[in-house]
């Protein structure tokens, strides 16, 4: 298998880097991680949600250079179909693509109100009213998937692209103590206890870089 390089940003703050990394790990890639410094051009703006970045995550593999998390997911699915990044059933696979696309392109109020910060904990965080419909929609997606496919992951017994895409949301709900129903609370626990998530979180805690705007008291 050709060696792969994944260019990422901050492990603590960058939800897109986390998604790309989880996808590569689900595919079983032999992976080298190259981190772009927070103060590199465009990276601080990306972390503060001021502009998108085309630099991270970026997967370089077998002559290909792929950015954008869903493009990475599709490339990995085509290259390693045996890894099962998407469900085997066609209808479930279409559903998985739909919810993954929804979190990829939407939920802007949730992103801005609850920025990813794995090192932070806020026990009494006051939710911005505009984020509540996004949170309710996430709840609805999670409950529907788990009801249909039986959990503990969104599409059954093993994680898929959808779980990689929603993993940063689970960390946000943990950071900001977002109230959850029992089904969603159990799903968040499944994600947080995922060995891959523990590995990523451990590396995030060791990062020296901080973005003051994202570490401020709310």
Protein backbone atom coordinates (compact mmCIF):
# COMPACT_ATOMS: atom_id res chain seq x y z
CA UNK A 1 0.00 0.00 0.00
CA UNK A 2 1.48 3.41 -0.93
CA UNK A 3 2.37 5.62 2.01
CA UNK A 4 0.02 8.52 2.74
CA UNK A 5 0.60 12.02 4.08
CA UNK A 6 -2.20 13.95 5.77
CA UNK A 7 -1.71 17.67 6.24
CA UNK A 8 -3.62 18.88 9.26
CA UNK A 9 -4.01 21.97 11.40
CA UNK A 10 -4.53 22.16 15.16
CA UNK A 11 -5.67 18.94 16.80
CA UNK A 12 -7.34 20.94 19.54
CA UNK A 13 -9.35 23.37 17.43
CA UNK A 14 -9.66 22.05 13.86
CA UNK A 15 -12.77 19.95 13.37
CA UNK A 16 -11.97 19.43 9.68
CA UNK A 17 -8.53 18.04 10.47
CA UNK A 18 -10.11 15.61 12.93
CA UNK A 19 -12.62 14.45 10.34
CA UNK A 20 -9.95 13.86 7.70
CA UNK A 21 -7.73 11.99 10.14
CA UNK A 22 -10.55 9.72 11.32
CA UNK A 23 -11.45 8.89 7.72
CA UNK A 24 -7.87 7.93 6.94
CA UNK A 25 -7.67 5.77 10.04
CA UNK A 26 -10.96 4.05 9.18
CA UNK A 27 -9.47 3.22 5.77
CA UNK A 28 -6.42 1.69 7.43
CA UNK A 29 -3.89 4.01 5.80
CA UNK A 30 -0.23 3.96 6.77
CA UNK A 31 -0.21 7.64 7.58
CA UNK A 32 2.30 10.41 8.23
CA UNK A 33 0.81 13.57 9.70
CA UNK A 34 2.19 16.97 8.75
CA UNK A 35 0.89 19.84 10.86
CA UNK A 36 0.53 23.35 9.45
CA UNK A 37 1.36 25.93 12.16
CA UNK A 38 -1.58 27.90 13.50
CA UNK A 39 0.10 31.15 12.45
CA UNK A 40 0.54 29.98 8.86
CA UNK A 41 -1.32 32.14 6.29
CA UNK A 42 -5.01 31.34 6.36
CA UNK A 43 -4.95 28.88 9.27
CA UNK A 44 -5.96 31.28 12.03
CA UNK A 45 -8.81 32.56 9.89
CA UNK A 46 -9.93 28.99 9.23
CA UNK A 47 -9.92 28.12 12.93
CA UNK A 48 -11.89 31.27 13.77
CA UNK A 49 -14.43 30.39 11.06
CA UNK A 50 -13.60 33.55 9.13
CA UNK A 51 -12.70 31.74 5.92
CA UNK A 52 -12.39 28.18 4.64
CA UNK A 53 -8.96 26.66 4.13
CA UNK A 54 -7.95 24.56 1.14
CA UNK A 55 -4.77 23.50 2.92
CA UNK A 56 -6.23 21.22 5.57
CA UNK A 57 -7.03 18.50 5.69
CA UNK A 58 -5.19 17.43 2.56
CA UNK A 59 -4.45 13.80 1.77
CA UNK A 60 -1.49 12.96 -0.48
CA UNK A 61 -1.55 9.32 -1.58
CA UNK A 62 -0.41 7.34 -4.60
CA UNK A 63 0.05 10.46 -6.74
CA UNK A 64 -3.25 12.03 -5.70
CA UNK A 65 -3.72 15.20 -3.66
CA UNK A 66 -7.21 15.47 -2.17
CA UNK A 67 -8.64 18.18 0.04
CA UNK A 68 -12.13 18.65 1.48
CA UNK A 69 -13.29 15.97 3.89
CA UNK A 70 -16.06 14.54 1.72
CA UNK A 71 -13.71 14.33 -1.26
CA UNK A 72 -11.27 12.46 0.98
CA UNK A 73 -14.09 10.15 2.11
CA UNK A 74 -15.08 9.33 -1.47
CA UNK A 75 -11.48 8.76 -2.53
CA UNK A 76 -10.87 6.40 0.37
CA UNK A 77 -14.14 4.56 -0.28
CA UNK A 78 -13.20 4.02 -3.91
CA UNK A 79 -9.61 3.05 -3.08
CA UNK A 80 -10.36 0.78 -0.12
CA UNK A 81 -13.93 -0.55 -0.49
CA UNK A 82 -13.14 -3.41 1.88
CA UNK A 83 -12.67 -0.91 4.72
CA UNK A 84 -16.43 -0.29 4.85
CA UNK A 85 -16.34 3.47 5.20
CA UNK A 86 -19.93 3.49 3.94
CA UNK A 87 -22.63 0.92 4.76
CA UNK A 88 -22.91 -2.06 2.43
CA UNK A 89 -26.66 -1.68 1.94
CA UNK A 90 -27.40 0.81 -0.90
CA UNK A 91 -30.23 2.56 0.94
CA UNK A 92 -28.21 2.90 4.13
CA UNK A 93 -25.25 4.09 2.07
CA UNK A 94 -27.35 6.82 0.48
CA UNK A 95 -28.63 7.82 3.91
CA UNK A 96 -25.05 7.94 5.23
CA UNK A 97 -24.00 10.19 2.37
CA UNK A 98 -26.97 12.46 3.00
CA UNK A 99 -26.33 13.07 6.70
CA UNK A 100 -22.60 13.39 6.08
CA UNK A 101 -23.24 16.01 3.41
CA UNK A 102 -25.63 17.86 5.68
CA UNK A 103 -23.09 18.28 8.49
CA UNK A 104 -20.41 19.14 5.92
CA UNK A 105 -22.30 22.04 4.39
CA UNK A 106 -24.58 23.33 7.14
CA UNK A 107 -24.90 23.99 10.87
CA UNK A 108 -23.11 27.34 10.67
CA UNK A 109 -24.69 28.69 13.86
CA UNK A 110 -23.60 25.62 15.80
CA UNK A 111 -20.03 25.98 14.49
CA UNK A 112 -19.77 29.65 15.47
CA UNK A 113 -21.53 29.34 18.83
CA UNK A 114 -19.71 26.17 19.93
CA UNK A 115 -16.20 26.21 18.44
CA UNK A 116 -14.26 22.99 18.83
CA UNK A 117 -11.87 23.11 21.78
CA UNK A 118 -10.92 19.73 23.23
CA UNK A 119 -9.02 21.22 26.16
CA UNK A 120 -11.90 23.38 27.41
CA UNK A 121 -14.86 22.51 29.65
CA UNK A 122 -17.81 24.82 30.32
CA UNK A 123 -20.29 23.41 32.85
CA UNK A 124 -22.85 26.21 32.57
CA UNK A 125 -22.49 27.51 29.04
CA UNK A 126 -25.27 29.79 27.84
CA UNK A 127 -26.34 28.62 24.39
CA UNK A 128 -26.82 31.20 21.66
CA UNK A 129 -30.48 30.98 20.62
CA UNK A 130 -29.56 30.75 16.96
CA UNK A 131 -27.64 27.53 17.57
CA UNK A 132 -30.57 25.70 19.15
CA UNK A 133 -32.26 24.68 15.86
CA UNK A 134 -28.93 23.24 14.69
CA UNK A 135 -28.57 21.30 17.94
CA UNK A 136 -32.12 19.99 17.63
CA UNK A 137 -31.43 18.89 14.06
CA UNK A 138 -28.31 17.00 15.16
CA UNK A 139 -30.38 15.27 17.83
CA UNK A 140 -32.98 14.30 15.25
CA UNK A 141 -30.36 12.87 12.87
CA UNK A 142 -28.70 10.85 15.61
CA UNK A 143 -31.96 9.47 17.00
CA UNK A 144 -33.24 8.54 13.54
CA UNK A 145 -30.03 6.75 12.58
CA UNK A 146 -29.73 4.85 15.84
CA UNK A 147 -33.41 3.87 15.76
CA UNK A 148 -33.07 2.61 12.18
CA UNK A 149 -29.74 0.82 12.40
CA UNK A 150 -29.56 -0.20 16.04
CA UNK A 151 -26.43 1.65 17.15
CA UNK A 152 -24.13 2.09 18.89
CA UNK A 153 -22.77 3.93 15.82
CA UNK A 154 -24.99 5.92 13.49
CA UNK A 155 -25.16 3.12 10.94
CA UNK A 156 -24.93 0.08 13.14
CA UNK A 157 -22.16 -1.94 14.71
CA UNK A 158 -19.13 -0.13 13.27
CA UNK A 159 -18.19 3.49 12.59
CA UNK A 160 -18.63 4.94 9.12
CA UNK A 161 -18.04 8.23 7.32
CA UNK A 162 -21.02 9.69 9.18
CA UNK A 163 -19.41 9.07 12.56
CA UNK A 164 -16.18 10.70 11.42
CA UNK A 165 -18.18 13.70 10.23
CA UNK A 166 -20.19 14.05 13.45
CA UNK A 167 -17.33 13.29 15.85
CA UNK A 168 -16.39 16.99 16.27
CA UNK A 169 -20.02 17.73 17.15
CA UNK A 170 -19.85 15.14 19.93
CA UNK A 171 -16.76 16.89 21.29
CA UNK A 172 -18.52 20.25 21.16
CA UNK A 173 -21.50 18.90 23.08
CA UNK A 174 -19.07 17.60 25.70
CA UNK A 175 -17.04 20.83 25.91
CA UNK A 176 -20.10 23.01 26.37
CA UNK A 177 -22.23 20.58 28.44
CA UNK A 178 -25.08 20.62 25.94
CA UNK A 179 -28.15 18.84 27.40
CA UNK A 180 -28.81 15.54 25.61
CA UNK A 181 -31.49 12.89 25.68
CA UNK A 182 -30.41 9.35 26.68
CA UNK A 183 -29.96 8.14 23.08
CA UNK A 184 -27.77 11.09 22.09
CA UNK A 185 -25.88 11.01 25.38
CA UNK A 186 -25.01 7.35 24.78
CA UNK A 187 -23.88 8.14 21.25
CA UNK A 188 -21.63 10.96 22.45
CA UNK A 189 -20.10 8.59 25.00
CA UNK A 190 -19.47 6.05 22.21
CA UNK A 191 -17.63 8.68 20.17
CA UNK A 192 -15.61 10.09 23.07
CA UNK A 193 -14.55 6.58 24.15
CA UNK A 194 -13.61 5.59 20.58
CA UNK A 195 -9.92 4.58 20.74
CA UNK A 196 -9.17 6.74 17.70
CA UNK A 197 -10.77 9.74 19.41
CA UNK A 198 -8.78 9.11 22.58
CA UNK A 199 -5.59 9.01 20.54
CA UNK A 200 -6.44 12.30 18.81
CA UNK A 201 -7.54 13.97 22.07
CA UNK A 202 -4.34 12.94 23.81
CA UNK A 203 -2.28 14.59 21.07
CA UNK A 204 -4.52 17.68 21.24
CA UNK A 205 -3.89 18.07 24.96
CA UNK A 206 -0.14 18.05 24.31
CA UNK A 207 -0.26 20.85 21.74
CA UNK A 208 1.47 24.02 22.91
CA UNK A 209 -0.35 26.40 20.56
CA UNK A 210 -3.38 28.36 21.73
CA UNK A 211 -5.86 30.62 19.98
CA UNK A 212 -6.77 33.22 22.58
CA UNK A 213 -10.13 33.98 21.02
CA UNK A 214 -11.16 30.33 21.35
CA UNK A 215 -9.78 29.89 24.86
CA UNK A 216 -11.49 32.96 26.31
CA UNK A 217 -14.06 32.52 29.05
CA UNK A 218 -17.56 32.67 27.58
